[in-house]
Amino acid sequence: MKIHEIVEGYYDASPFAQKMAKYGRRLMQMGQGSGEPGSLAKMSDEELGMMNKMGSLGSALSKVGTPFGIKDPSENDGVSSPKQRLAKFFAELEKASGCDKAMCMKLLKKAEAAGDIKSKVPDPEPQDDGDDEPEDKAPSDDEIDRDAVAFAKG
């Protein structure tokens, strides 16, 4: 028997919470814009407001099922029906994100349709080719000999 078969992981999330976290990360990334210099200056106030809503909804979605986040409606509490839990989920989501239910649904559909998003911002420190010698490379015997002869000559 393996240890992971005995002990359940503390941070195991339900499939619903994992899906919401994935959508939340997508929305937050979509809400950051293209990352190009000056790209936000070209946007209207409505577009910037939508980006803020994406970020706040994405943040709220990424916390579904966490101890201080929105309660996961897929977890049965034994008291309420699934429909009541889902209604409570959307009420908490609206409160946490500041978006109404229609906007939440619109942005959730947008996140679902977006698929995985890759960052468009270039890497500030691109990988080196490997042709460069490391800085801490030890000197060769020829270099040591040349330095010693030069020092001896003065």
N, C-alpha and C. Protein backbone atom coordinates (compact mmCIF):
# COMPACT_ATOMS: atom_id res chain seq x y z
N MET A 1 0.85 -1.18 0.00
CA MET A 1 0.00 0.00 0.00
C MET A 1 0.89 1.24 0.00
N LYS A 2 0.57 2.18 -0.84
CA LYS A 2 1.34 3.41 -0.98
C LYS A 2 0.76 4.48 -0.05
N ILE A 3 1.58 5.47 0.28
CA ILE A 3 1.17 6.51 1.22
C ILE A 3 0.03 7.34 0.66
N HIS A 4 0.03 7.62 -0.66
CA HIS A 4 -1.04 8.44 -1.23
C HIS A 4 -2.37 7.69 -1.25
N GLU A 5 -2.34 6.38 -1.06
CA GLU A 5 -3.58 5.61 -0.96
C GLU A 5 -4.16 5.69 0.45
N ILE A 6 -3.32 5.99 1.42
CA ILE A 6 -3.76 6.07 2.81
C ILE A 6 -4.23 7.47 3.16
N VAL A 7 -3.40 8.45 2.85
CA VAL A 7 -3.66 9.83 3.24
C VAL A 7 -4.20 10.60 2.04
N GLU A 8 -5.35 11.21 2.25
CA GLU A 8 -5.91 12.05 1.20
C GLU A 8 -5.21 13.40 1.23
N GLY A 9 -4.86 13.91 0.07
CA GLY A 9 -4.17 15.20 -0.01
C GLY A 9 -5.00 16.32 0.58
N TYR A 10 -4.35 17.23 1.28
CA TYR A 10 -5.04 18.33 1.94
C TYR A 10 -5.64 19.29 0.92
N TYR A 11 -4.96 19.47 -0.20
CA TYR A 11 -5.40 20.45 -1.17
C TYR A 11 -6.09 19.82 -2.38
N ASP A 12 -6.58 18.61 -2.23
CA ASP A 12 -7.30 18.00 -3.34
C ASP A 12 -8.58 18.77 -3.59
N ALA A 13 -8.77 19.18 -4.81
CA ALA A 13 -9.97 19.93 -5.18
C ALA A 13 -10.90 19.02 -5.97
N SER A 14 -12.17 19.30 -5.87
CA SER A 14 -13.15 18.55 -6.65
C SER A 14 -12.97 18.89 -8.12
N PRO A 15 -13.49 18.05 -9.01
CA PRO A 15 -13.40 18.38 -10.44
C PRO A 15 -14.04 19.73 -10.77
N PHE A 16 -15.13 20.08 -10.08
CA PHE A 16 -15.78 21.37 -10.30
C PHE A 16 -14.85 22.51 -9.90
N ALA A 17 -14.22 22.39 -8.74
CA ALA A 17 -13.32 23.45 -8.27
C ALA A 17 -12.10 23.57 -9.18
N GLN A 18 -11.59 22.45 -9.68
CA GLN A 18 -10.47 22.49 -10.60
C GLN A 18 -10.85 23.20 -11.90
N LYS A 19 -12.05 22.91 -12.39
CA LYS A 19 -12.53 23.54 -13.62
C LYS A 19 -12.71 25.05 -13.42
N MET A 20 -13.28 25.44 -12.29
CA MET A 20 -13.48 26.87 -12.01
C MET A 20 -12.13 27.58 -11.85
N ALA A 21 -11.17 26.92 -11.23
CA ALA A 21 -9.84 27.53 -11.07
C ALA A 21 -9.17 27.71 -12.43
N LYS A 22 -9.35 26.73 -13.31
CA LYS A 22 -8.78 26.85 -14.65
C LYS A 22 -9.42 28.01 -15.41
N TYR A 23 -10.74 28.13 -15.32
CA TYR A 23 -11.44 29.26 -15.96
C TYR A 23 -11.00 30.58 -15.34
N GLY A 24 -10.81 30.58 -14.02
CA GLY A 24 -10.37 31.79 -13.34
C GLY A 24 -9.01 32.24 -13.82
N ARG A 25 -8.08 31.29 -13.97
CA ARG A 25 -6.74 31.66 -14.46
C ARG A 25 -6.81 32.19 -15.89
N ARG A 26 -7.66 31.57 -16.71
CA ARG A 26 -7.82 32.06 -18.09
C ARG A 26 -8.36 33.48 -18.10
N LEU A 27 -9.39 33.73 -17.29
CA LEU A 27 -9.97 35.07 -17.25
C LEU A 27 -8.96 36.10 -16.76
N MET A 28 -8.20 35.75 -15.73
CA MET A 28 -7.20 36.69 -15.23
C MET A 28 -6.15 36.98 -16.29
N GLN A 29 -5.76 35.96 -17.04
CA GLN A 29 -4.76 36.17 -18.08
C GLN A 29 -5.35 36.99 -19.23
N MET A 30 -6.61 36.75 -19.58
CA MET A 30 -7.26 37.54 -20.64
C MET A 30 -7.44 38.98 -20.18
N GLY A 31 -7.62 39.19 -18.88
CA GLY A 31 -7.81 40.52 -18.34
C GLY A 31 -6.54 41.34 -18.22
N GLN A 32 -5.40 40.74 -18.54
CA GLN A 32 -4.13 41.46 -18.45
C GLN A 32 -3.80 42.21 -19.74
N GLY A 33 -4.49 41.92 -20.80
CA GLY A 33 -4.20 42.58 -22.07
C GLY A 33 -3.08 41.88 -22.80
N SER A 34 -2.59 42.53 -23.84
CA SER A 34 -1.57 41.91 -24.68
C SER A 34 -0.17 42.02 -24.09
N GLY A 35 0.04 42.99 -23.21
CA GLY A 35 1.35 43.17 -22.61
C GLY A 35 2.29 44.04 -23.41
N GLU A 36 1.83 44.51 -24.56
CA GLU A 36 2.67 45.38 -25.38
C GLU A 36 2.69 46.78 -24.77
N PRO A 37 3.82 47.47 -24.86
CA PRO A 37 3.88 48.84 -24.32
C PRO A 37 2.86 49.75 -24.99
N GLY A 38 2.09 50.46 -24.20
CA GLY A 38 1.10 51.40 -24.72
C GLY A 38 -0.20 50.78 -25.17
N SER A 39 -0.36 49.46 -25.01
CA SER A 39 -1.58 48.82 -25.49
C SER A 39 -2.80 49.22 -24.67
N LEU A 40 -2.62 49.48 -23.37
CA LEU A 40 -3.76 49.88 -22.54
C LEU A 40 -4.20 51.30 -22.84
N ALA A 41 -3.29 52.14 -23.28
CA ALA A 41 -3.64 53.53 -23.59
C ALA A 41 -4.58 53.62 -24.79
N LYS A 42 -4.55 52.62 -25.65
CA LYS A 42 -5.39 52.62 -26.85
C LYS A 42 -6.79 52.09 -26.58
N MET A 43 -7.03 51.55 -25.39
CA MET A 43 -8.33 50.94 -25.08
C MET A 43 -9.31 51.97 -24.53
N SER A 44 -10.59 51.68 -24.78
CA SER A 44 -11.63 52.56 -24.24
C SER A 44 -11.87 52.22 -22.77
N ASP A 45 -12.62 53.08 -22.10
CA ASP A 45 -12.94 52.85 -20.69
C ASP A 45 -13.76 51.58 -20.53
N GLU A 46 -14.63 51.28 -21.49
CA GLU A 46 -15.45 50.07 -21.42
C GLU A 46 -14.58 48.82 -21.49
N GLU A 47 -13.59 48.84 -22.39
CA GLU A 47 -12.69 47.69 -22.51
C GLU A 47 -11.86 47.52 -21.24
N LEU A 48 -11.39 48.61 -20.68
CA LEU A 48 -10.63 48.53 -19.44
C LEU A 48 -11.49 48.03 -18.29
N GLY A 49 -12.76 48.49 -18.25
CA GLY A 49 -13.69 48.00 -17.24
C GLY A 49 -13.94 46.51 -17.37
N MET A 50 -14.05 46.04 -18.61
CA MET A 50 -14.25 44.60 -18.85
C MET A 50 -13.02 43.82 -18.40
N MET A 51 -11.83 44.37 -18.63
CA MET A 51 -10.62 43.69 -18.18
C MET A 51 -10.58 43.61 -16.65
N ASN A 52 -11.03 44.65 -15.97
CA ASN A 52 -11.10 44.63 -14.51
C ASN A 52 -12.09 43.57 -14.03
N LYS A 53 -13.23 43.48 -14.71
CA LYS A 53 -14.22 42.46 -14.34
C LYS A 53 -13.67 41.06 -14.56
N MET A 54 -12.95 40.87 -15.66
CA MET A 54 -12.32 39.56 -15.91
C MET A 54 -11.36 39.21 -14.78
N GLY A 55 -10.57 40.16 -14.37
CA GLY A 55 -9.61 39.92 -13.30
C GLY A 55 -10.26 39.60 -11.97
N SER A 56 -11.31 40.36 -11.62
CA SER A 56 -11.96 40.12 -10.33
C SER A 56 -12.74 38.82 -10.34
N LEU A 57 -13.41 38.50 -11.45
CA LEU A 57 -14.13 37.23 -11.53
C LEU A 57 -13.14 36.07 -11.56
N GLY A 58 -12.05 36.22 -12.29
CA GLY A 58 -11.03 35.18 -12.33
C GLY A 58 -10.43 34.91 -10.97
N SER A 59 -10.19 35.96 -10.22
CA SER A 59 -9.65 35.80 -8.87
C SER A 59 -10.64 35.05 -7.97
N ALA A 60 -11.92 35.41 -8.07
CA ALA A 60 -12.94 34.74 -7.25
C ALA A 60 -13.07 33.27 -7.66
N LEU A 61 -13.02 32.99 -8.96
CA LEU A 61 -13.16 31.61 -9.43
C LEU A 61 -11.97 30.75 -9.02
N SER A 62 -10.80 31.34 -8.98
CA SER A 62 -9.61 30.55 -8.62
C SER A 62 -9.61 30.16 -7.15
N LYS A 63 -10.49 30.76 -6.35
CA LYS A 63 -10.55 30.44 -4.92
C LYS A 63 -11.73 29.54 -4.56
N VAL A 64 -12.44 29.01 -5.56
CA VAL A 64 -13.58 28.13 -5.28
C VAL A 64 -13.07 26.86 -4.59
N GLY A 65 -13.70 26.52 -3.49
CA GLY A 65 -13.35 25.31 -2.76
C GLY A 65 -12.21 25.47 -1.77
N THR A 66 -11.62 26.65 -1.67
CA THR A 66 -10.55 26.88 -0.71
C THR A 66 -11.16 27.28 0.63
N PRO A 67 -10.41 27.16 1.72
CA PRO A 67 -11.00 27.46 3.03
C PRO A 67 -11.60 28.86 3.16
N PHE A 68 -10.98 29.88 2.56
CA PHE A 68 -11.50 31.24 2.69
C PHE A 68 -12.12 31.74 1.39
N GLY A 69 -12.35 30.85 0.45
CA GLY A 69 -12.94 31.23 -0.83
C GLY A 69 -14.42 30.88 -0.88
N ILE A 70 -14.93 30.83 -2.09
CA ILE A 70 -16.33 30.51 -2.32
C ILE A 70 -16.53 29.01 -2.12
N LYS A 71 -17.61 28.64 -1.44
CA LYS A 71 -17.88 27.24 -1.15
C LYS A 71 -18.18 26.49 -2.44
N ASP A 72 -17.60 25.31 -2.56
CA ASP A 72 -17.78 24.45 -3.73
C ASP A 72 -19.20 23.87 -3.72
N PRO A 73 -20.03 24.15 -4.74
CA PRO A 73 -21.40 23.63 -4.73
C PRO A 73 -21.49 22.14 -5.01
N SER A 74 -20.41 21.52 -5.48
CA SER A 74 -20.46 20.09 -5.74
C SER A 74 -20.28 19.26 -4.47
N GLU A 75 -19.85 19.91 -3.38
CA GLU A 75 -19.71 19.21 -2.11
C GLU A 75 -21.05 19.18 -1.40
N ASN A 76 -21.51 17.99 -1.09
CA ASN A 76 -22.82 17.82 -0.45
C ASN A 76 -22.71 18.14 1.03
N ASP A 77 -23.53 19.10 1.48
CA ASP A 77 -23.53 19.45 2.90
C ASP A 77 -24.62 18.71 3.67
N GLY A 78 -25.46 17.95 2.99
CA GLY A 78 -26.49 17.16 3.64
C GLY A 78 -27.74 17.94 4.00
N VAL A 79 -27.75 19.24 3.81
CA VAL A 79 -28.89 20.06 4.20
C VAL A 79 -29.60 20.63 2.97
N SER A 80 -28.86 21.19 2.05
CA SER A 80 -29.47 21.86 0.91
C SER A 80 -29.40 21.00 -0.35
N SER A 81 -30.29 21.30 -1.27
CA SER A 81 -30.33 20.58 -2.54
C SER A 81 -29.24 21.13 -3.47
N PRO A 82 -28.90 20.38 -4.53
CA PRO A 82 -27.90 20.88 -5.47
C PRO A 82 -28.29 22.23 -6.09
N LYS A 83 -29.57 22.42 -6.34
CA LYS A 83 -30.03 23.68 -6.92
C LYS A 83 -29.80 24.84 -5.95
N GLN A 84 -30.06 24.61 -4.66
CA GLN A 84 -29.84 25.65 -3.65
C GLN A 84 -28.35 25.96 -3.51
N ARG A 85 -27.52 24.91 -3.55
CA ARG A 85 -26.07 25.12 -3.44
C ARG A 85 -25.54 25.92 -4.62
N LEU A 86 -26.06 25.64 -5.82
CA LEU A 86 -25.63 26.37 -7.01
C LEU A 86 -26.08 27.83 -6.95
N ALA A 87 -27.30 28.06 -6.46
CA ALA A 87 -27.79 29.44 -6.32
C ALA A 87 -26.93 30.20 -5.31
N LYS A 88 -26.56 29.53 -4.22
CA LYS A 88 -25.71 30.16 -3.21
C LYS A 88 -24.31 30.43 -3.79
N PHE A 89 -23.83 29.50 -4.61
CA PHE A 89 -22.53 29.68 -5.27
C PHE A 89 -22.51 30.94 -6.12
N PHE A 90 -23.56 31.12 -6.94
CA PHE A 90 -23.59 32.31 -7.80
C PHE A 90 -23.78 33.59 -6.99
N ALA A 91 -24.53 33.51 -5.89
CA ALA A 91 -24.68 34.69 -5.03
C ALA A 91 -23.33 35.09 -4.43
N GLU A 92 -22.58 34.11 -3.95
CA GLU A 92 -21.25 34.39 -3.39
C GLU A 92 -20.28 34.87 -4.47
N LEU A 93 -20.41 34.30 -5.68
CA LEU A 93 -19.55 34.69 -6.79
C LEU A 93 -19.82 36.14 -7.20
N GLU A 94 -21.09 36.51 -7.24
CA GLU A 94 -21.46 37.90 -7.56
C GLU A 94 -20.90 38.86 -6.52
N LYS A 95 -21.02 38.47 -5.26
CA LYS A 95 -20.54 39.33 -4.17
C LYS A 95 -19.01 39.47 -4.22
N ALA A 96 -18.32 38.36 -4.46
CA ALA A 96 -16.85 38.38 -4.45
C ALA A 96 -16.27 39.10 -5.66
N SER A 97 -16.94 39.00 -6.80
CA SER A 97 -16.38 39.57 -8.03
C SER A 97 -16.93 40.95 -8.37
N GLY A 98 -18.09 41.29 -7.85
CA GLY A 98 -18.70 42.56 -8.19
C GLY A 98 -19.41 42.55 -9.54
N CYS A 99 -19.61 41.38 -10.11
CA CYS A 99 -20.30 41.23 -11.39
C CYS A 99 -21.68 40.63 -11.14
N ASP A 100 -22.66 40.99 -11.98
CA ASP A 100 -23.97 40.36 -11.86
C ASP A 100 -23.93 38.98 -12.50
N LYS A 101 -25.01 38.20 -12.31
CA LYS A 101 -25.03 36.81 -12.77
C LYS A 101 -24.89 36.73 -14.28
N ALA A 102 -25.55 37.63 -15.01
CA ALA A 102 -25.46 37.61 -16.48
C ALA A 102 -24.01 37.83 -16.93
N MET A 103 -23.32 38.77 -16.30
CA MET A 103 -21.92 39.04 -16.65
C MET A 103 -21.05 37.84 -16.29
N CYS A 104 -21.32 37.22 -15.14
CA CYS A 104 -20.56 36.03 -14.74
C CYS A 104 -20.71 34.92 -15.78
N MET A 105 -21.94 34.69 -16.21
CA MET A 105 -22.20 33.63 -17.20
C MET A 105 -21.52 33.97 -18.53
N LYS A 106 -21.59 35.22 -18.94
CA LYS A 106 -20.96 35.65 -20.20
C LYS A 106 -19.45 35.42 -20.15
N LEU A 107 -18.83 35.80 -19.04
CA LEU A 107 -17.39 35.65 -18.92
C LEU A 107 -16.98 34.19 -18.75
N LEU A 108 -17.82 33.38 -18.09
CA LEU A 108 -17.53 31.95 -17.97
C LEU A 108 -17.55 31.30 -19.35
N LYS A 109 -18.52 31.66 -20.17
CA LYS A 109 -18.58 31.12 -21.54
C LYS A 109 -17.37 31.56 -22.35
N LYS A 110 -16.96 32.79 -22.15
CA LYS A 110 -15.79 33.32 -22.85
C LYS A 110 -14.53 32.55 -22.43
N ALA A 111 -14.41 32.26 -21.14
CA ALA A 111 -13.25 31.51 -20.65
C ALA A 111 -13.27 30.08 -21.17
N GLU A 112 -14.45 29.49 -21.25
CA GLU A 112 -14.57 28.13 -21.75
C GLU A 112 -14.18 28.06 -23.23
N ALA A 113 -14.60 29.07 -23.99
CA ALA A 113 -14.30 29.09 -25.42
C ALA A 113 -12.85 29.44 -25.71
N ALA A 114 -12.19 30.12 -24.79
CA ALA A 114 -10.83 30.60 -25.04
C ALA A 114 -9.81 29.47 -25.12
N GLY A 115 -10.01 28.41 -24.39
CA GLY A 115 -9.00 27.36 -24.36
C GLY A 115 -7.76 27.83 -23.62
N ASP A 116 -6.70 27.06 -23.71
CA ASP A 116 -5.46 27.43 -23.03
C ASP A 116 -4.84 28.63 -23.73
N ILE A 117 -4.39 29.57 -22.93
CA ILE A 117 -3.82 30.81 -23.45
C ILE A 117 -2.34 30.84 -23.10
N LYS A 118 -1.54 31.18 -24.09
CA LYS A 118 -0.10 31.34 -23.88
C LYS A 118 0.21 32.83 -23.77
N SER A 119 1.20 33.14 -23.01
CA SER A 119 1.59 34.53 -22.83
C SER A 119 2.22 35.06 -24.11
N LYS A 120 1.86 36.30 -24.48
CA LYS A 120 2.40 36.92 -25.68
C LYS A 120 3.59 37.82 -25.36
N VAL A 121 3.90 37.95 -24.09
CA VAL A 121 4.99 38.83 -23.68
C VAL A 121 6.31 38.08 -23.88
N PRO A 122 7.28 38.69 -24.57
CA PRO A 122 8.55 38.00 -24.78
C PRO A 122 9.30 37.81 -23.46
N ASP A 123 10.07 36.76 -23.42
CA ASP A 123 10.87 36.45 -22.23
C ASP A 123 11.93 37.54 -22.06
N PRO A 124 11.98 38.20 -20.89
CA PRO A 124 12.97 39.27 -20.71
C PRO A 124 14.40 38.76 -20.69
N GLU A 125 14.59 37.51 -20.35
CA GLU A 125 15.93 36.92 -20.32
C GLU A 125 15.92 35.65 -21.16
N PRO A 126 16.05 35.77 -22.49
CA PRO A 126 16.01 34.57 -23.32
C PRO A 126 17.17 33.63 -22.99
N GLN A 127 16.96 32.38 -23.30
CA GLN A 127 17.97 31.37 -23.01
C GLN A 127 19.21 31.62 -23.85
N ASP A 128 20.38 31.40 -23.26
CA ASP A 128 21.63 31.54 -23.99
C ASP A 128 21.81 30.34 -24.91
N ASP A 129 22.66 30.52 -25.92
CA ASP A 129 22.88 29.47 -26.90
C ASP A 129 23.68 28.30 -26.34
N GLY A 130 24.46 28.51 -25.35
CA GLY A 130 25.31 27.46 -24.82
C GLY A 130 26.72 27.56 -25.37
N ASP A 131 26.95 28.44 -26.36
CA ASP A 131 28.29 28.64 -26.89
C ASP A 131 29.16 29.43 -25.92
N ASP A 132 28.50 30.18 -25.07
CA ASP A 132 29.23 31.00 -24.11
C ASP A 132 29.87 30.12 -23.05
N GLU A 133 31.06 30.51 -22.65
CA GLU A 133 31.73 29.78 -21.60
C GLU A 133 31.25 30.29 -20.25
N PRO A 134 31.15 29.44 -19.28
CA PRO A 134 30.73 29.92 -17.96
C PRO A 134 31.78 30.86 -17.37
N GLU A 135 31.30 31.79 -16.56
CA GLU A 135 32.19 32.80 -15.99
C GLU A 135 33.15 32.22 -14.95
N ASP A 136 32.75 31.14 -14.32
CA ASP A 136 33.58 30.57 -13.27
C ASP A 136 34.49 29.45 -13.78
N LYS A 137 34.74 29.43 -15.09
CA LYS A 137 35.58 28.39 -15.67
C LYS A 137 37.02 28.57 -15.18
N ALA A 138 37.63 27.48 -14.80
CA ALA A 138 39.01 27.52 -14.30
C ALA A 138 39.95 27.80 -15.47
N PRO A 139 41.02 28.54 -15.24
CA PRO A 139 41.97 28.83 -16.32
C PRO A 139 42.73 27.56 -16.72
N SER A 140 43.12 27.52 -17.98
CA SER A 140 43.87 26.36 -18.46
C SER A 140 45.33 26.45 -17.98
N ASP A 141 46.07 25.36 -18.15
CA ASP A 141 47.48 25.34 -17.74
C ASP A 141 48.29 26.36 -18.54
N ASP A 142 47.96 26.51 -19.83
CA ASP A 142 48.68 27.48 -20.66
C ASP A 142 48.47 28.90 -20.15
N GLU A 143 47.25 29.23 -19.74
CA GLU A 143 46.96 30.57 -19.22
C GLU A 143 47.71 30.82 -17.92
N ILE A 144 47.76 29.82 -17.05
CA ILE A 144 48.47 29.95 -15.78
C ILE A 144 49.96 30.16 -16.03
N ASP A 145 50.52 29.37 -16.97
CA ASP A 145 51.94 29.49 -17.29
C ASP A 145 52.25 30.86 -17.88
N ARG A 146 51.41 31.34 -18.79
CA ARG A 146 51.61 32.65 -19.42
C ARG A 146 51.56 33.76 -18.37
N ASP A 147 50.60 33.67 -17.43
CA ASP A 147 50.49 34.68 -16.38
C ASP A 147 51.70 34.65 -15.45
N ALA A 148 52.20 33.45 -15.15
CA ALA A 148 53.36 33.33 -14.26
C ALA A 148 54.61 33.91 -14.92
N VAL A 149 54.80 33.63 -16.21
CA VAL A 149 55.96 34.16 -16.93
C VAL A 149 55.88 35.68 -17.01
N ALA A 150 54.69 36.21 -17.29
CA ALA A 150 54.52 37.66 -17.38
C ALA A 150 54.78 38.32 -16.03
N PHE A 151 54.37 37.67 -14.94
CA PHE A 151 54.60 38.22 -13.60
C PHE A 151 56.08 38.20 -13.25
N ALA A 152 56.77 37.11 -13.66
CA ALA A 152 58.19 36.97 -13.35
C ALA A 152 59.02 38.01 -14.10
N LYS A 153 58.60 38.34 -15.32
CA LYS A 153 59.33 39.33 -16.10
C LYS A 153 59.09 40.73 -15.56
N GLY A 154 58.01 40.90 -14.85
CA GLY A 154 57.76 42.18 -14.21
C GLY A 154 56.96 43.07 -15.00
